Every structure is written in C-alpha cells, then in structure tokens.
Protein backbone atom coordinates (compact mmCIF):
# COMPACT_ATOMS: atom_id res chain seq x y z
CA UNK A 1 53.40 60.56 91.38
CA UNK A 2 50.17 62.55 91.58
CA UNK A 3 48.91 63.97 88.29
CA UNK A 4 49.16 67.73 87.87
CA UNK A 5 45.81 69.38 87.23
CA UNK A 6 45.21 71.46 84.13
CA UNK A 7 42.06 73.42 83.28
CA UNK A 8 41.10 73.54 79.58
CA UNK A 9 38.51 76.18 78.67
CA UNK A 10 36.97 75.47 75.28
CA UNK A 11 33.72 76.22 73.48
CA UNK A 12 33.90 73.09 71.32
CA UNK A 13 33.69 69.81 73.22
CA UNK A 14 31.81 66.56 72.56
CA UNK A 15 29.11 66.15 71.43
CA UNK A 16 30.24 69.05 69.21
CA UNK A 17 31.43 67.72 65.88
CA UNK A 18 33.60 69.17 63.13
CA UNK A 19 37.27 70.12 63.21
CA UNK A 20 36.99 72.67 66.04
CA UNK A 21 36.78 69.97 68.68
CA UNK A 22 39.56 67.67 67.47
CA UNK A 23 42.65 69.62 68.56
CA UNK A 24 42.00 69.79 72.30
CA UNK A 25 40.05 66.56 72.55
CA UNK A 26 43.17 64.74 71.37
CA UNK A 27 45.64 66.88 73.32
CA UNK A 28 43.63 66.39 76.52
CA UNK A 29 43.83 62.61 76.11
CA UNK A 30 47.54 62.74 75.34
CA UNK A 31 48.25 65.03 78.31
CA UNK A 32 46.46 62.54 80.53
CA UNK A 33 48.83 59.84 79.26
CA UNK A 34 51.78 62.10 80.11
CA UNK A 35 50.80 62.55 83.73
CA UNK A 36 48.35 65.46 83.70
CA UNK A 37 44.77 65.52 84.93
CA UNK A 38 42.74 67.51 82.38
CA UNK A 39 39.67 69.30 83.72
CA UNK A 40 37.33 70.74 81.09
CA UNK A 41 35.22 73.90 81.33
CA UNK A 42 32.75 74.28 78.46
CA UNK A 43 29.26 75.68 77.79
CA UNK A 44 26.28 73.55 78.73
CA UNK A 45 24.10 74.56 75.78
CA UNK A 46 26.40 75.80 72.97
CA UNK A 47 24.99 76.71 69.55
CA UNK A 48 27.28 74.55 67.44
CA UNK A 49 25.71 73.38 64.20
CA UNK A 50 26.95 69.79 64.03
CA UNK A 51 27.19 67.10 66.68
CA UNK A 52 29.05 63.80 66.78
CA UNK A 53 27.87 61.42 69.48
CA UNK A 54 30.68 58.99 68.68
CA UNK A 55 33.13 61.39 70.38
CA UNK A 56 31.39 61.37 73.77
CA UNK A 57 32.80 58.04 75.02
CA UNK A 58 36.38 59.15 74.32
CA UNK A 59 36.24 61.87 76.97
CA UNK A 60 33.44 60.66 79.25
CA UNK A 61 35.93 59.88 82.03
CA UNK A 62 37.39 63.42 82.13
CA UNK A 63 36.14 65.84 84.78
CA UNK A 64 33.94 68.26 82.84
CA UNK A 65 32.15 71.34 84.14
CA UNK A 66 29.36 72.76 82.01
CA UNK A 67 27.62 76.04 82.69
CA UNK A 68 24.83 77.69 80.67
CA UNK A 69 25.63 80.15 77.92
CA UNK A 70 23.35 82.74 76.34
CA UNK A 71 24.01 83.43 72.69
CA UNK A 72 22.19 86.05 70.60
CA UNK A 73 21.42 83.77 67.67
CA UNK A 74 17.70 83.76 68.42
CA UNK A 75 17.81 87.51 67.73
CA UNK A 76 19.61 86.77 64.45
CA UNK A 77 16.91 84.30 63.43
CA UNK A 78 14.11 86.77 64.24
CA UNK A 79 15.76 89.46 62.16
CA UNK A 80 16.21 87.13 59.18
CA UNK A 81 12.79 85.51 59.44
CA UNK A 82 14.32 82.15 60.33
CA UNK A 83 12.59 81.54 63.65
CA UNK A 84 12.46 77.77 63.36
CA UNK A 85 16.20 77.34 62.95
CA UNK A 86 17.73 76.15 66.20
CA UNK A 87 21.41 76.25 65.37
CA UNK A 88 23.56 78.46 63.20
CA UNK A 89 25.27 76.66 60.32
CA UNK A 90 28.92 77.45 60.90
CA UNK A 91 30.54 79.43 58.12
CA UNK A 92 27.30 79.95 56.18
CA UNK A 93 25.96 83.01 58.01
CA UNK A 94 26.74 85.25 55.03
CA UNK A 95 26.03 82.70 52.30
CA UNK A 96 22.99 84.32 50.70
CA UNK A 97 23.77 85.96 47.37
CA UNK A 98 20.91 88.45 47.56
CA UNK A 99 20.72 89.72 51.11
CA UNK A 100 17.65 91.68 52.13
CA UNK A 101 17.85 94.63 54.48
CA UNK A 102 17.16 92.38 57.48
CA UNK A 103 20.07 90.11 56.50
CA UNK A 104 22.41 93.07 56.08
CA UNK A 105 21.42 94.51 59.46
CA UNK A 106 21.88 91.12 61.16
CA UNK A 107 25.36 90.67 59.67
CA UNK A 108 26.36 94.23 60.62
CA UNK A 109 25.14 93.71 64.20
CA UNK A 110 27.13 90.49 64.40
CA UNK A 111 30.27 92.26 63.19
CA UNK A 112 30.00 95.40 65.29
CA UNK A 113 28.09 94.70 68.50
CA UNK A 114 29.29 91.27 69.66
CA UNK A 115 32.98 91.76 70.36
CA UNK A 116 34.97 89.64 69.95
CA UNK A 117 32.13 87.21 69.13
CA UNK A 118 28.59 86.25 70.19
CA UNK A 119 29.94 84.01 73.00
CA UNK A 120 31.15 87.03 74.97
CA UNK A 121 28.14 86.79 77.32
CA UNK A 122 29.64 83.61 78.80
CA UNK A 123 32.81 85.33 80.03
CA UNK A 124 31.50 86.48 83.42
CA UNK A 125 29.95 83.19 84.58
CA UNK A 126 32.76 81.05 83.17
CA UNK A 127 35.39 83.23 84.84
CA UNK A 128 33.73 82.82 88.23
CA UNK A 129 33.63 79.03 87.99
CA UNK A 130 37.18 78.84 86.62
CA UNK A 131 38.47 81.02 89.46
CA UNK A 132 36.68 78.81 92.02
CA UNK A 133 38.12 75.63 90.51
CA UNK A 134 41.63 77.05 90.46
CA UNK A 135 41.52 78.29 94.06
CA UNK A 136 39.89 75.18 95.50
CA UNK A 137 40.98 72.40 93.17
CA UNK A 138 44.75 72.67 93.06
CA UNK A 139 44.86 73.54 89.34
CA UNK A 140 48.32 74.69 88.27
CA UNK A 141 47.81 75.59 84.60
CA UNK A 142 44.94 76.99 82.53
CA UNK A 143 44.53 76.69 78.76
CA UNK A 144 42.09 78.72 76.69
CA UNK A 145 41.54 77.92 73.03
CA UNK A 146 39.92 80.11 70.40
CA UNK A 147 38.02 80.75 68.29
CA UNK A 148 35.69 81.77 69.67
CA UNK A 149 38.16 84.24 71.15
CA UNK A 150 35.84 85.03 74.05
CA UNK A 151 37.46 82.00 75.65
CA UNK A 152 40.65 84.07 75.92
CA UNK A 153 38.75 86.84 77.69
CA UNK A 154 37.80 84.26 80.30
CA UNK A 155 41.48 83.41 80.63
CA UNK A 156 42.53 87.05 80.92
CA UNK A 157 40.01 87.66 83.70
CA UNK A 158 40.99 84.53 85.63
CA UNK A 159 44.71 85.21 85.21
CA UNK A 160 44.27 88.67 86.71
CA UNK A 161 42.35 87.28 89.70
CA UNK A 162 44.42 84.17 90.46
CA UNK A 163 47.83 84.52 88.83
CA UNK A 164 47.53 80.94 87.51
CA UNK A 165 49.89 79.99 84.70
CA UNK A 166 48.04 80.54 81.44
CA UNK A 167 48.53 79.23 77.92
CA UNK A 168 46.38 80.96 75.25
CA UNK A 169 45.96 78.82 72.13
CA UNK A 170 45.09 80.46 68.79
CA UNK A 171 43.71 77.89 66.37
CA UNK A 172 42.93 80.74 63.94
CA UNK A 173 43.85 84.43 63.65
CA UNK A 174 41.92 86.95 65.73
CA UNK A 175 42.20 90.57 64.55
CA UNK A 176 43.19 89.35 61.08
CA UNK A 177 40.39 86.80 60.85
CA UNK A 178 39.20 86.82 57.24
CA UNK A 179 35.52 86.79 58.24
CA UNK A 180 35.70 90.23 59.90
CA UNK A 181 35.68 91.95 56.52
CA UNK A 182 32.63 89.91 55.47
CA UNK A 183 30.89 91.04 58.67
CA UNK A 184 31.35 94.71 57.66
CA UNK A 185 33.31 95.31 60.84
CA UNK A 186 34.07 99.01 61.30
CA UNK A 187 37.58 100.39 61.73
CA UNK A 188 36.74 101.36 65.30
CA UNK A 189 35.65 97.83 66.16
CA UNK A 190 38.72 96.38 64.43
CA UNK A 191 40.79 98.59 66.72
CA UNK A 192 38.98 97.09 69.72
CA UNK A 193 39.74 93.58 68.40
CA UNK A 194 43.43 94.47 68.09
CA UNK A 195 43.47 95.90 71.61
CA UNK A 196 41.82 92.77 73.08
CA UNK A 197 44.15 90.49 71.16
CA UNK A 198 47.22 92.40 72.35
CA UNK A 199 46.04 92.30 75.96
CA UNK A 200 45.65 88.50 75.77
CA UNK A 201 49.06 88.05 74.16
CA UNK A 202 50.62 90.27 76.82
CA UNK A 203 48.84 88.71 79.81
CA UNK A 204 49.30 85.04 78.89
CA UNK A 205 52.44 83.27 80.09
CA UNK A 206 52.63 81.56 76.70
CA UNK A 207 50.69 81.62 73.43
CA UNK A 208 50.54 78.75 70.95
CA UNK A 209 49.32 78.69 67.40
CA UNK A 210 49.12 76.26 64.51
CA UNK A 211 51.56 77.49 61.84
CA UNK A 212 54.88 79.23 61.40
CA UNK A 213 53.57 82.29 59.55
CA UNK A 214 50.79 82.87 62.09
CA UNK A 215 53.31 82.49 64.90
CA UNK A 216 55.52 85.16 63.32
CA UNK A 217 52.54 87.49 62.89
CA UNK A 218 51.50 87.13 66.53
CA UNK A 219 55.04 87.44 67.87
CA UNK A 220 55.86 90.70 66.08
CA UNK A 221 55.59 92.72 69.30
CA UNK A 222 57.84 90.38 71.29
CA UNK A 223 55.06 88.25 72.75
CA UNK A 224 56.06 84.70 73.64
CA UNK A 225 54.54 82.48 70.94
CA UNK A 226 55.26 78.84 70.13
CA UNK A 227 54.05 76.76 67.18
CA UNK A 228 51.97 73.76 68.20
CA UNK A 229 50.72 72.31 64.95
CA UNK A 230 47.42 70.62 64.45
CA UNK A 231 47.91 66.91 64.40
CA UNK A 232 46.62 63.56 63.28
CA UNK A 233 45.19 60.76 65.36
CA UNK A 234 46.48 57.21 65.00
CA UNK A 235 45.27 56.30 61.51
CA UNK A 236 42.66 53.60 61.10
CA UNK A 237 44.07 50.53 59.41
CA UNK A 238 40.86 49.08 57.98
CA UNK A 239 41.55 48.83 54.25
CA UNK A 240 38.79 49.66 51.81
CA UNK A 241 39.58 48.96 48.19
CA UNK A 242 38.61 51.67 45.75
CA UNK A 243 36.60 50.90 42.64
CA UNK A 244 39.19 50.50 39.89
CA UNK A 245 36.59 51.41 37.25
CA UNK A 246 36.06 54.83 38.87
CA UNK A 247 38.21 57.78 39.88
CA UNK A 248 36.78 59.33 43.02
CA UNK A 249 37.63 62.82 44.25
CA UNK A 250 36.46 63.51 47.81
CA UNK A 251 36.00 66.72 49.76
CA UNK A 252 35.03 66.63 53.44
CA UNK A 253 34.45 69.71 55.56
CA UNK A 254 32.95 73.16 55.42
CA UNK A 255 32.34 74.34 51.86
CA UNK A 256 31.39 78.02 51.82
CA UNK A 257 32.04 81.03 49.62
CA UNK A 258 35.51 81.59 51.11
CA UNK A 259 36.77 78.31 49.68
CA UNK A 260 34.47 77.56 46.76
CA UNK A 261 36.67 76.23 43.89
CA UNK A 262 34.45 77.53 41.08
CA UNK A 263 37.12 77.01 38.44
CA UNK A 264 37.61 73.38 39.52
CA UNK A 265 33.90 72.65 38.96
CA UNK A 266 34.16 74.23 35.50
CA UNK A 267 37.30 72.25 34.60
CA UNK A 268 35.79 68.94 35.75
CA UNK A 269 32.65 69.56 33.70
CA UNK A 270 34.68 70.49 30.62
CA UNK A 271 36.87 67.39 30.93
CA UNK A 272 33.77 65.21 31.16
CA UNK A 273 32.34 66.92 28.07
CA UNK A 274 35.54 66.45 26.05
CA UNK A 275 36.54 62.95 27.19
CA UNK A 276 33.99 60.13 27.48
CA UNK A 277 36.47 57.99 29.42
CA UNK A 278 37.01 60.79 31.97
CA UNK A 279 33.25 61.21 32.29
CA UNK A 280 32.72 57.49 32.77
CA UNK A 281 35.27 57.24 35.59
CA UNK A 282 34.76 60.48 37.51
CA UNK A 283 32.96 60.56 40.85
CA UNK A 284 32.88 63.53 43.25
CA UNK A 285 31.83 62.90 46.86
CA UNK A 286 31.27 65.89 49.13
CA UNK A 287 30.67 65.49 52.86
CA UNK A 288 29.96 68.26 55.35
CA UNK A 289 28.08 71.54 55.49
CA UNK A 290 27.77 72.96 51.96
CA UNK A 291 26.42 76.39 51.06
CA UNK A 292 23.20 76.38 49.04
CA UNK A 293 24.73 78.60 46.36
CA UNK A 294 27.60 76.13 45.87
CA UNK A 295 25.23 73.18 45.51
CA UNK A 296 23.32 75.19 42.95
CA UNK A 297 26.54 76.05 41.10
CA UNK A 298 27.60 72.40 40.86
CA UNK A 299 24.18 71.18 39.78
CA UNK A 300 24.07 73.80 37.02
CA UNK A 301 26.90 71.97 35.22
CA UNK A 302 25.26 69.34 33.00
CA UNK A 303 27.99 66.70 33.33
CA UNK A 304 29.30 67.44 36.82
CA UNK A 305 25.88 67.28 38.46
CA UNK A 306 25.55 63.63 37.42
CA UNK A 307 28.94 62.83 38.94
CA UNK A 308 28.49 64.61 42.29
CA UNK A 309 27.06 63.18 45.51
CA UNK A 310 26.34 65.35 48.56
CA UNK A 311 26.64 63.21 51.68
CA UNK A 312 25.62 65.79 54.28
CA UNK A 313 27.29 65.98 57.67
CA UNK A 314 29.25 62.86 58.63
CA UNK A 315 30.54 61.75 62.01
CA UNK A 316 34.30 61.57 62.48
CA UNK A 317 34.27 57.78 62.15
CA UNK A 318 32.12 57.96 59.00
CA UNK A 319 34.49 60.49 57.46
CA UNK A 320 37.45 58.15 58.04
CA UNK A 321 35.65 55.47 56.05
CA UNK A 322 34.86 57.92 53.26
CA UNK A 323 38.52 58.92 52.97
CA UNK A 324 39.39 55.34 52.13
CA UNK A 325 36.78 55.20 49.36
CA UNK A 326 38.49 58.03 47.46
CA UNK A 327 41.38 58.04 45.01
CA UNK A 328 42.14 61.70 45.70
CA UNK A 329 41.23 64.06 48.52
CA UNK A 330 40.57 67.75 47.91
CA UNK A 331 41.89 70.35 50.37
CA UNK A 332 40.75 73.96 50.02
CA UNK A 333 42.43 76.91 51.70
CA UNK A 334 40.36 80.04 52.24
CA UNK A 335 40.53 82.56 49.41
CA UNK A 336 41.64 85.35 51.71
CA UNK A 337 44.71 87.33 52.73
CA UNK A 338 45.47 85.09 55.72
CA UNK A 339 45.43 81.79 53.81
CA UNK A 340 49.28 81.60 53.73
CA UNK A 341 49.09 81.20 57.52
CA UNK A 342 46.63 78.32 57.46
CA UNK A 343 47.80 74.76 58.05
CA UNK A 344 44.47 72.95 58.30
CA UNK A 345 43.51 70.06 60.55
CA UNK A 346 42.08 68.46 57.42
CA UNK A 347 45.53 68.10 55.85
CA UNK A 348 46.71 65.93 58.72
CA UNK A 349 43.53 63.85 58.66
CA UNK A 350 43.89 63.32 54.92
CA UNK A 351 47.47 62.14 55.44
CA UNK A 352 46.29 59.22 57.54
CA UNK A 353 44.15 57.95 54.64
CA UNK A 354 47.25 57.48 52.46
CA UNK A 355 45.52 59.08 49.46
CA UNK A 356 46.94 61.74 47.16
CA UNK A 357 45.92 65.25 48.25
CA UNK A 358 45.05 68.01 45.79
CA UNK A 359 45.37 71.39 47.54
CA UNK A 360 44.03 74.64 46.13
CA UNK A 361 45.51 77.80 47.60
CA UNK A 362 48.61 80.01 47.59
CA UNK A 363 51.81 78.28 46.59
CA UNK A 364 53.73 80.50 49.02
CA UNK A 365 52.25 79.33 52.31
CA UNK A 366 52.90 77.17 55.34
CA UNK A 367 51.05 74.32 53.66
CA UNK A 368 53.10 74.63 50.47
CA UNK A 369 56.32 74.75 52.50
CA UNK A 370 55.37 71.55 54.30
CA UNK A 371 54.54 69.51 51.22
CA UNK A 372 57.07 70.96 48.75
CA UNK A 373 59.67 68.25 49.28
CA UNK A 374 57.18 65.45 50.02
CA UNK A 375 55.47 63.16 47.53
CA UNK A 376 52.06 63.27 49.19
CA UNK A 377 50.23 66.22 47.63
CA UNK A 378 49.98 68.73 44.80
CA UNK A 379 49.21 72.39 45.47
CA UNK A 380 47.84 74.64 42.73
CA UNK A 381 46.47 78.16 42.62
CA UNK A 382 42.68 78.45 42.54
CA UNK A 383 42.77 80.29 39.20
CA UNK A 384 45.31 78.05 37.40
CA UNK A 385 42.88 76.63 34.83
CA UNK A 386 45.40 75.01 32.50
CA UNK A 387 47.41 73.55 35.40
CA UNK A 388 44.23 72.12 36.95
CA UNK A 389 43.12 70.60 33.67
CA UNK A 390 46.54 69.06 32.95
CA UNK A 391 46.90 67.68 36.46
CA UNK A 392 43.42 66.11 36.58
CA UNK A 393 43.87 64.55 33.14
CA UNK A 394 47.14 63.01 34.24
CA UNK A 395 45.76 61.93 37.60
CA UNK A 396 42.87 60.11 35.94
CA UNK A 397 45.36 58.08 33.90
CA UNK A 398 48.05 57.41 36.52
CA UNK A 399 46.15 57.55 39.86
CA UNK A 400 48.86 59.24 41.96
CA UNK A 401 49.72 57.45 45.19
CA UNK A 402 51.61 59.12 48.06
CA UNK A 403 55.09 57.89 48.82
CA UNK A 404 54.71 55.56 51.82
CA UNK A 405 57.91 56.80 53.50
CA UNK A 406 56.98 60.46 53.12
CA UNK A 407 53.41 59.87 54.35
CA UNK A 408 54.52 57.79 57.34
CA UNK A 409 57.19 60.34 58.21
CA UNK A 410 54.70 63.22 58.27
CA UNK A 411 52.13 61.19 60.21
CA UNK A 412 54.76 60.31 62.79
CA UNK A 413 56.02 63.89 63.04
CA UNK A 414 52.55 65.39 63.35
CA UNK A 415 50.80 62.73 65.40
CA UNK A 416 48.98 64.05 68.47
CA UNK A 417 51.21 61.75 70.51
CA UNK A 418 54.40 63.37 69.19
CA UNK A 419 53.06 66.93 69.39
CA UNK A 420 51.85 66.36 72.96
CA UNK A 421 55.45 65.73 74.01
CA UNK A 422 56.27 69.32 72.99
CA UNK A 423 53.13 70.59 74.70
CA UNK A 424 54.04 68.74 77.88
CA UNK A 425 57.51 70.30 77.83
CA UNK A 426 56.11 73.80 77.31
CA UNK A 427 53.66 73.40 80.19
CA UNK A 428 56.30 72.09 82.59
CA UNK A 429 58.67 74.92 81.64
CA UNK A 430 55.90 77.38 82.50
CA UNK A 431 55.77 75.95 86.03
CA UNK A 432 59.49 76.20 86.73
C-alpha cells in the first residue's frame, strides 16, 4: 500500500537542538513507521540558539524543503549594542536586571510590532511553497506546530487556498503565553493575538495540544481540540552507576527568570552550612542555557557555589548520559499563571532515566495530576521553604528511587510509539 503523504511545517528541525525539536522529530519518524510519508517544510537559516548535530542522521532520509527566512534579530542586536551576537539565546531576551533605554525599546518593539512573533516574515514564502507541494505532490494532510505561532499563519493561508486537511498543533499557549506580559505587549496587540488564535482554531480541521487544562482552555468556544501529550523516546539502557559517596541533583534545560528556584538555592546553601555530611555529599549539575543573573545568584552562596557545576549546552545524547549520573532530577515549571497547563517534555525525558524527580510548581496542575498516584516524583510549591528543607534532608539520607512498575507504566503510556497510534487515528479520521 502506498504511503500517504503528510506535510509538517515546523520552525525547529535538526540541526536545531533543545526541546522544541523533539516532539515532531519523533512523531515524524513514528508516522513513517505507521504508513505515512512525512515531508518537512522548515526555514533554511533559522535563528535558533542551540544546535545538535547528532539529530541530523535521524531524519536525513526524510524529504525536507528549506527556504530562507528573514528575522529581525539583527535589528535587536543593533539596538542593544550586541552586534557580534549571531543568535538569540532562547528565553533570555529579557534577562538583564537593569535594562537601559535601548533594551526597553527593543523588548517593546518585539512585543508590539512582530505579531505573532519575529518569524512572521516567513509566512508568505513558506505558504507559496507549501501550496505548490500540496497541489503537485499529492499531499493529503498538513500539520503546523507552534511556537513560533507564525507557523499556524502559514497553515491558515494554505488551508484557504487549497482546502487541504489541516492539523494545528499547540505545544504552548498562544494568546495566554506568559512571555507576552514580559514583552510589555499592549492590550490592542493582545486583542490581535486573540483574533489570530481564534481564526486558526476555527480554520483548522483539528487542533492538538499537550495537556488537559490547555486543551480545555482552547476548546472553550467549541473548537475541535484533542490532547496529544509530549512523549518519551525509547529509553537508553546503558547503566551508569552513581557515586555512592555523593548525592547529585541535576537540572537540564532552559534556566531563566521565569523558573529560577531562588528559594531552593537558599535552602541548599543553608543545609550545607548546618550539616557537614550534607555539604560533603551534595553536588548540583546544571546543563543548558542559564541566565547570567541566575549564575551570579548561585555563586553568591558561599557553600552552594562550591557544589555547583555549569555544564553549558549539551547535545541530546550527552544529556541522556548526564541523567544517569544523577540521584535526583529537578523539574521547574514556569512561575506564571499558565503553569497549571504545562506538562513539559522534560518530565517524560526524566522518566526514562529512572531517577526520582523533584518538581517545583503548582500542586494543582496537569503535572501534579499525573504524578499524584505514582511513586516517581515529588511536587512542591516554589515558596514552600520548610517542605523543601525537610524533603531534601530526607532525600539525602534515603535516596528516593522511583517505583519500577509506575515508571515503566508511564513510559509505556507516554512513549512516542504509543502516542503516535492516537495521532495516526486522528489523521485518518480527518480524511474520512
């Protein structure tokens, strides 16, 4: 039986690194296994801040069309006096504590002129190529995935021209994105965001998103929305024994002001000061892009600074190895109003390492609902100082280990292979 062709329009694609690329890289490979022929449309010269060359071979065989994109980040660098910086560090655009007038103007321009995001200038050229591929290539279904939500504007344009079946995938909120407030977005521009979002939800044949609460929020006006969770790849089985003389807490990912666990750093330093045994055993390993102000905060603690190692950006394969070196993995939800909706990719990746997960964030959330009955993680509020101190003291003594049955059950339920079966069903139902 001939494979059915599906066009996936995404900003993040290898060699892009980070979590943004993982969802549709893995779903594309799984859809191929299930009888689809994925065709990728992505920018030729995107301004992502981290790359991972180890991902290229995984998708080298897929038909991939790349067309140039112009992004206004060179203007941003000129305004902020950062001319030599080639790429924007994701999530750290607003990291400076003391912003000068040029910084404030640049942030305001970003929040109020580039709608829905700075990738909007790619919509016209991408739409033309997508329309051509659909008309001439026998493509039956189109998927757009955001953020950046400009990808959905490509989908809306192509849907209007061709009538192709369209699935719009929301990995994060759009009009309720927590960064919009930080960008000083005006009420008028927020209204434009809401209008664009509604037009995408209305025009798409189906919308998917990553969590139950976000699905409910998007479906409030009777739009057709399905939950398609983030997932986990087949876990690596190479066993790395941890150092029994140490207790290692690891964090891997973006660490910016929206998820900086300031109280945790304070508690860890205090525990080291009070307990020589705790101080002797503690290690903190941090991999990924870290805001300068957070590094400074950690290094200002006299005990914690000696226990902390900043690893910089790591490839996906390097991160998997690091997981196995840790006794506990730290998961941080954004400190924002939409954090109850967030069910991060990182949670599923951490699961595969079979290490205990310490989550900081709201205890009434999709993440809390998922782990409440499972012996794989502990979730605490960011500001629960006594609870944090008690838990870390106990963890140092008893080294919590996830229940193997609970961990395996969640990994099986949320594997990309299992989730792709639902995605395959949704796509085929669209074509009936």
